[in-house]
Amino acid sequence: MNPEETVPDERKTASFTIDLSSSYHVENLPSEIDINQVYYSNLAAVNVSHRDVFIDFLQTPGVRRDEAMHLPGVRIFMSYAAAQKLAETLFRVLASAHADGAMEQYPAGKSMDQQ
């Protein structure tokens, strides 16, 4: 394009609309769980702020480095409603597994090789 040439008026004033709302209508789409990371935790620390809940899932005993024990961890933030639903679901699932005898159990006072 020659610098002296001008852009036609219809190109200067042309506009178009992009409707993004259809991107958020997902009620009829099938869902698939896509887990891209797996993490083992044997310790969790729960903290509450004025807006949300966060849980630090930690691996213990950790690794000694730089004269300190480093505990690998993952922090998950969630709303109060999501945390309440998680707590209720965990309680229900664990109570059911215990009642069904599906949880690993060790009798008190016996060593592993006596079982």
N, C-alpha and C. Protein backbone atom coordinates (compact mmCIF):
# COMPACT_ATOMS: atom_id res chain seq x y z
N MET A 1 0.85 -1.17 0.00
CA MET A 1 0.00 0.00 0.00
C MET A 1 0.89 1.23 0.00
N ASN A 2 0.56 2.14 -0.83
CA ASN A 2 1.28 3.40 -0.95
C ASN A 2 0.91 4.28 0.24
N PRO A 3 1.89 4.93 0.90
CA PRO A 3 1.59 5.77 2.06
C PRO A 3 0.56 6.86 1.78
N GLU A 4 0.47 7.33 0.53
CA GLU A 4 -0.50 8.38 0.23
C GLU A 4 -1.91 7.83 0.12
N GLU A 5 -2.05 6.52 -0.10
CA GLU A 5 -3.39 5.96 -0.23
C GLU A 5 -4.06 5.93 1.14
N THR A 6 -5.35 6.10 1.13
CA THR A 6 -6.10 6.04 2.38
C THR A 6 -6.98 4.80 2.38
N VAL A 7 -7.32 4.38 3.56
CA VAL A 7 -8.20 3.23 3.70
C VAL A 7 -9.61 3.69 3.40
N PRO A 8 -10.37 2.92 2.60
CA PRO A 8 -11.76 3.33 2.30
C PRO A 8 -12.56 3.48 3.59
N ASP A 9 -13.54 4.40 3.56
CA ASP A 9 -14.34 4.72 4.75
C ASP A 9 -15.04 3.51 5.34
N GLU A 10 -15.53 2.59 4.49
CA GLU A 10 -16.26 1.45 5.04
C GLU A 10 -15.36 0.55 5.88
N ARG A 11 -14.07 0.52 5.62
CA ARG A 11 -13.16 -0.27 6.44
C ARG A 11 -12.87 0.43 7.76
N LYS A 12 -12.87 1.74 7.77
CA LYS A 12 -12.61 2.48 9.00
C LYS A 12 -13.75 2.32 10.00
N THR A 13 -14.96 2.23 9.52
CA THR A 13 -16.11 2.19 10.41
C THR A 13 -16.70 0.78 10.55
N ALA A 14 -16.12 -0.18 9.89
CA ALA A 14 -16.66 -1.54 9.98
C ALA A 14 -16.50 -2.06 11.40
N SER A 15 -17.52 -2.76 11.87
CA SER A 15 -17.45 -3.37 13.19
C SER A 15 -18.17 -4.71 13.12
N PHE A 16 -17.89 -5.52 14.07
CA PHE A 16 -18.55 -6.82 14.13
C PHE A 16 -18.70 -7.20 15.59
N THR A 17 -19.58 -8.12 15.86
CA THR A 17 -19.87 -8.56 17.22
C THR A 17 -19.50 -10.02 17.37
N ILE A 18 -18.83 -10.32 18.45
CA ILE A 18 -18.51 -11.70 18.78
C ILE A 18 -19.33 -12.07 20.00
N ASP A 19 -20.15 -13.08 19.86
CA ASP A 19 -20.99 -13.53 20.96
C ASP A 19 -20.29 -14.66 21.70
N LEU A 20 -19.71 -14.35 22.86
CA LEU A 20 -19.00 -15.35 23.65
C LEU A 20 -19.93 -16.12 24.58
N SER A 21 -21.17 -15.66 24.71
CA SER A 21 -22.08 -16.31 25.66
C SER A 21 -22.31 -17.78 25.31
N SER A 22 -22.27 -18.13 24.03
CA SER A 22 -22.48 -19.52 23.66
C SER A 22 -21.35 -20.42 24.18
N SER A 23 -20.21 -19.85 24.45
CA SER A 23 -19.09 -20.63 25.00
C SER A 23 -19.36 -21.10 26.42
N TYR A 24 -20.29 -20.42 27.11
CA TYR A 24 -20.57 -20.73 28.50
C TYR A 24 -21.82 -21.59 28.67
N HIS A 25 -22.49 -21.94 27.59
CA HIS A 25 -23.65 -22.82 27.65
C HIS A 25 -23.17 -24.26 27.48
N VAL A 26 -22.92 -24.91 28.59
CA VAL A 26 -22.33 -26.25 28.54
C VAL A 26 -23.24 -27.33 29.12
N GLU A 27 -24.48 -26.96 29.47
CA GLU A 27 -25.34 -27.93 30.15
C GLU A 27 -25.65 -29.15 29.29
N ASN A 28 -25.60 -29.05 27.99
CA ASN A 28 -25.91 -30.18 27.13
C ASN A 28 -24.67 -30.90 26.60
N LEU A 29 -23.50 -30.45 27.00
CA LEU A 29 -22.27 -31.09 26.52
C LEU A 29 -21.84 -32.19 27.48
N PRO A 30 -21.38 -33.31 26.95
CA PRO A 30 -20.87 -34.35 27.85
C PRO A 30 -19.56 -33.89 28.50
N SER A 31 -19.32 -34.36 29.72
CA SER A 31 -18.10 -34.00 30.44
C SER A 31 -17.21 -35.23 30.58
N GLU A 32 -15.93 -35.02 30.51
CA GLU A 32 -14.97 -36.07 30.74
C GLU A 32 -13.95 -35.56 31.74
N ILE A 33 -13.64 -36.38 32.74
CA ILE A 33 -12.63 -35.99 33.73
C ILE A 33 -11.26 -36.15 33.08
N ASP A 34 -10.45 -35.12 33.19
CA ASP A 34 -9.12 -35.12 32.59
C ASP A 34 -8.10 -34.83 33.68
N ILE A 35 -7.63 -35.87 34.36
CA ILE A 35 -6.67 -35.70 35.45
C ILE A 35 -5.28 -35.67 34.84
N ASN A 36 -4.60 -34.53 35.02
CA ASN A 36 -3.28 -34.39 34.42
C ASN A 36 -2.15 -34.46 35.44
N GLN A 37 -2.50 -34.66 36.70
CA GLN A 37 -1.47 -34.77 37.72
C GLN A 37 -2.01 -35.59 38.88
N VAL A 38 -1.20 -36.50 39.39
CA VAL A 38 -1.57 -37.31 40.54
C VAL A 38 -0.59 -37.00 41.65
N TYR A 39 -1.11 -36.87 42.88
CA TYR A 39 -0.29 -36.46 44.00
C TYR A 39 -0.68 -37.26 45.23
N TYR A 40 0.27 -37.82 45.92
CA TYR A 40 0.00 -38.55 47.15
C TYR A 40 0.26 -37.63 48.34
N SER A 41 -0.65 -37.66 49.31
CA SER A 41 -0.49 -36.85 50.51
C SER A 41 -0.85 -37.69 51.72
N ASN A 42 -0.03 -37.59 52.75
CA ASN A 42 -0.36 -38.27 54.01
C ASN A 42 -0.53 -37.27 55.16
N LEU A 43 -0.65 -36.00 54.82
CA LEU A 43 -0.87 -34.96 55.82
C LEU A 43 -1.53 -33.77 55.13
N ALA A 44 -2.51 -33.18 55.79
CA ALA A 44 -3.18 -32.01 55.23
C ALA A 44 -3.32 -30.95 56.32
N ALA A 45 -3.12 -29.71 55.93
CA ALA A 45 -3.32 -28.57 56.82
C ALA A 45 -4.42 -27.71 56.21
N VAL A 46 -5.46 -27.44 56.99
CA VAL A 46 -6.60 -26.67 56.50
C VAL A 46 -6.55 -25.27 57.10
N ASN A 47 -6.71 -24.27 56.27
CA ASN A 47 -6.72 -22.87 56.71
C ASN A 47 -7.93 -22.17 56.11
N VAL A 48 -8.43 -21.19 56.84
CA VAL A 48 -9.61 -20.45 56.41
C VAL A 48 -9.28 -18.96 56.42
N SER A 49 -9.60 -18.30 55.32
CA SER A 49 -9.45 -16.84 55.27
C SER A 49 -10.85 -16.23 55.33
N HIS A 50 -10.93 -14.92 55.22
CA HIS A 50 -12.24 -14.28 55.28
C HIS A 50 -13.08 -14.55 54.04
N ARG A 51 -12.46 -15.07 52.96
CA ARG A 51 -13.20 -15.32 51.71
C ARG A 51 -13.25 -16.78 51.29
N ASP A 52 -12.23 -17.56 51.65
CA ASP A 52 -12.20 -18.92 51.15
C ASP A 52 -11.43 -19.85 52.08
N VAL A 53 -11.34 -21.10 51.65
CA VAL A 53 -10.66 -22.15 52.40
C VAL A 53 -9.51 -22.65 51.55
N PHE A 54 -8.38 -22.93 52.17
CA PHE A 54 -7.34 -23.60 51.41
C PHE A 54 -6.77 -24.75 52.21
N ILE A 55 -6.46 -25.81 51.47
CA ILE A 55 -5.93 -27.02 52.08
C ILE A 55 -4.56 -27.29 51.47
N ASP A 56 -3.57 -27.42 52.34
CA ASP A 56 -2.23 -27.80 51.89
C ASP A 56 -2.12 -29.31 52.06
N PHE A 57 -2.00 -30.03 50.95
CA PHE A 57 -1.79 -31.47 50.98
C PHE A 57 -0.29 -31.69 50.93
N LEU A 58 0.26 -32.32 51.97
CA LEU A 58 1.71 -32.45 52.13
C LEU A 58 2.15 -33.91 52.12
N GLN A 59 3.42 -34.11 51.77
CA GLN A 59 4.04 -35.43 51.83
C GLN A 59 5.07 -35.39 52.95
N THR A 60 4.90 -36.28 53.92
CA THR A 60 5.87 -36.34 55.00
C THR A 60 6.56 -37.69 54.98
N PRO A 61 7.79 -37.81 55.40
CA PRO A 61 8.53 -36.89 56.24
C PRO A 61 9.25 -35.79 55.48
N GLY A 62 9.23 -35.78 54.17
CA GLY A 62 9.91 -34.74 53.41
C GLY A 62 11.35 -35.11 53.11
N VAL A 63 12.09 -34.12 52.66
CA VAL A 63 13.49 -34.31 52.27
C VAL A 63 14.34 -33.27 52.98
N ARG A 64 15.43 -33.73 53.58
CA ARG A 64 16.33 -32.79 54.24
C ARG A 64 17.18 -32.09 53.19
N ARG A 65 17.16 -30.77 53.22
CA ARG A 65 17.93 -29.97 52.27
C ARG A 65 18.19 -28.61 52.91
N ASP A 66 19.40 -28.14 52.80
CA ASP A 66 19.77 -26.82 53.35
C ASP A 66 19.44 -26.72 54.84
N GLU A 67 19.77 -27.78 55.59
CA GLU A 67 19.56 -27.82 57.04
C GLU A 67 18.10 -27.64 57.45
N ALA A 68 17.18 -28.03 56.57
CA ALA A 68 15.75 -27.98 56.90
C ALA A 68 15.05 -29.14 56.22
N MET A 69 13.92 -29.52 56.77
CA MET A 69 13.09 -30.54 56.13
C MET A 69 12.13 -29.84 55.18
N HIS A 70 12.18 -30.22 53.92
CA HIS A 70 11.31 -29.65 52.89
C HIS A 70 10.18 -30.63 52.62
N LEU A 71 8.96 -30.18 52.83
CA LEU A 71 7.78 -31.02 52.62
C LEU A 71 7.14 -30.65 51.28
N PRO A 72 7.18 -31.56 50.30
CA PRO A 72 6.49 -31.27 49.04
C PRO A 72 5.00 -31.11 49.31
N GLY A 73 4.38 -30.19 48.63
CA GLY A 73 2.97 -29.97 48.87
C GLY A 73 2.25 -29.32 47.71
N VAL A 74 0.93 -29.41 47.78
CA VAL A 74 0.04 -28.79 46.80
C VAL A 74 -1.03 -28.04 47.59
N ARG A 75 -1.29 -26.81 47.22
CA ARG A 75 -2.32 -26.01 47.90
C ARG A 75 -3.54 -25.91 46.99
N ILE A 76 -4.70 -26.23 47.56
CA ILE A 76 -5.96 -26.15 46.82
C ILE A 76 -6.84 -25.10 47.51
N PHE A 77 -7.26 -24.09 46.74
CA PHE A 77 -8.17 -23.07 47.23
C PHE A 77 -9.59 -23.43 46.82
N MET A 78 -10.56 -23.14 47.67
CA MET A 78 -11.96 -23.37 47.32
C MET A 78 -12.85 -22.44 48.12
N SER A 79 -14.08 -22.32 47.66
CA SER A 79 -15.06 -21.49 48.36
C SER A 79 -15.53 -22.24 49.61
N TYR A 80 -16.22 -21.51 50.49
CA TYR A 80 -16.78 -22.14 51.68
C TYR A 80 -17.77 -23.23 51.29
N ALA A 81 -18.61 -22.96 50.30
CA ALA A 81 -19.61 -23.94 49.86
C ALA A 81 -18.94 -25.20 49.34
N ALA A 82 -17.89 -25.04 48.55
CA ALA A 82 -17.18 -26.22 48.01
C ALA A 82 -16.50 -26.99 49.13
N ALA A 83 -15.92 -26.30 50.11
CA ALA A 83 -15.26 -26.97 51.23
C ALA A 83 -16.28 -27.72 52.08
N GLN A 84 -17.45 -27.14 52.30
CA GLN A 84 -18.49 -27.81 53.07
C GLN A 84 -18.96 -29.07 52.34
N LYS A 85 -19.16 -28.97 51.04
CA LYS A 85 -19.57 -30.13 50.25
C LYS A 85 -18.50 -31.21 50.29
N LEU A 86 -17.23 -30.82 50.20
CA LEU A 86 -16.12 -31.78 50.28
C LEU A 86 -16.13 -32.49 51.63
N ALA A 87 -16.28 -31.74 52.72
CA ALA A 87 -16.28 -32.33 54.06
C ALA A 87 -17.43 -33.31 54.22
N GLU A 88 -18.62 -32.92 53.78
CA GLU A 88 -19.78 -33.81 53.88
C GLU A 88 -19.60 -35.08 53.05
N THR A 89 -19.07 -34.92 51.86
CA THR A 89 -18.86 -36.07 50.97
C THR A 89 -17.80 -37.01 51.53
N LEU A 90 -16.69 -36.45 52.02
CA LEU A 90 -15.64 -37.29 52.62
C LEU A 90 -16.17 -38.08 53.81
N PHE A 91 -16.92 -37.41 54.67
CA PHE A 91 -17.49 -38.08 55.83
C PHE A 91 -18.40 -39.23 55.41
N ARG A 92 -19.29 -38.96 54.46
CA ARG A 92 -20.24 -39.97 53.99
C ARG A 92 -19.53 -41.16 53.34
N VAL A 93 -18.56 -40.90 52.48
CA VAL A 93 -17.84 -41.96 51.77
C VAL A 93 -17.02 -42.80 52.75
N LEU A 94 -16.32 -42.15 53.67
CA LEU A 94 -15.51 -42.90 54.64
C LEU A 94 -16.38 -43.70 55.60
N ALA A 95 -17.50 -43.14 56.04
CA ALA A 95 -18.40 -43.87 56.94
C ALA A 95 -18.96 -45.10 56.22
N SER A 96 -19.30 -44.96 54.96
CA SER A 96 -19.83 -46.07 54.18
C SER A 96 -18.77 -47.15 53.96
N ALA A 97 -17.55 -46.74 53.62
CA ALA A 97 -16.47 -47.70 53.42
C ALA A 97 -16.16 -48.45 54.71
N HIS A 98 -16.19 -47.74 55.84
CA HIS A 98 -15.94 -48.38 57.13
C HIS A 98 -17.04 -49.38 57.46
N ALA A 99 -18.29 -48.98 57.25
CA ALA A 99 -19.43 -49.86 57.53
C ALA A 99 -19.41 -51.11 56.65
N ASP A 100 -18.93 -50.97 55.43
CA ASP A 100 -18.86 -52.10 54.50
C ASP A 100 -17.63 -52.98 54.73
N GLY A 101 -16.75 -52.58 55.67
CA GLY A 101 -15.53 -53.34 55.92
C GLY A 101 -14.49 -53.18 54.82
N ALA A 102 -14.63 -52.12 54.03
CA ALA A 102 -13.73 -51.90 52.90
C ALA A 102 -12.46 -51.14 53.27
N MET A 103 -12.37 -50.65 54.52
CA MET A 103 -11.18 -49.91 54.93
C MET A 103 -10.18 -50.86 55.57
N GLU A 104 -8.92 -50.63 55.33
CA GLU A 104 -7.87 -51.41 55.96
C GLU A 104 -7.90 -51.13 57.46
N GLN A 105 -7.95 -52.19 58.27
CA GLN A 105 -8.02 -52.02 59.71
C GLN A 105 -7.01 -52.94 60.38
N TYR A 106 -6.43 -52.46 61.47
CA TYR A 106 -5.48 -53.25 62.24
C TYR A 106 -5.98 -53.35 63.67
N PRO A 107 -6.11 -54.57 64.19
CA PRO A 107 -6.55 -54.71 65.59
C PRO A 107 -5.53 -54.08 66.54
N ALA A 108 -6.01 -53.42 67.55
CA ALA A 108 -5.12 -52.78 68.53
C ALA A 108 -4.32 -53.83 69.29
N GLY A 109 -3.05 -53.54 69.54
CA GLY A 109 -2.20 -54.41 70.37
C GLY A 109 -1.54 -55.56 69.64
N LYS A 110 -1.80 -55.74 68.35
CA LYS A 110 -1.16 -56.83 67.61
C LYS A 110 -0.19 -56.25 66.60
N SER A 111 0.94 -56.91 66.45
CA SER A 111 1.89 -56.46 65.46
C SER A 111 1.45 -56.98 64.09
N MET A 112 2.03 -56.43 63.06
CA MET A 112 1.66 -56.79 61.70
C MET A 112 1.88 -58.29 61.42
N ASP A 113 2.97 -58.88 61.95
CA ASP A 113 3.26 -60.29 61.65
C ASP A 113 2.42 -61.26 62.48
N GLN A 114 1.68 -60.79 63.48
CA GLN A 114 0.80 -61.64 64.26
C GLN A 114 -0.59 -61.76 63.65
N GLN A 115 -0.87 -60.99 62.63
CA GLN A 115 -2.22 -61.01 62.03
C GLN A 115 -2.37 -62.16 61.05
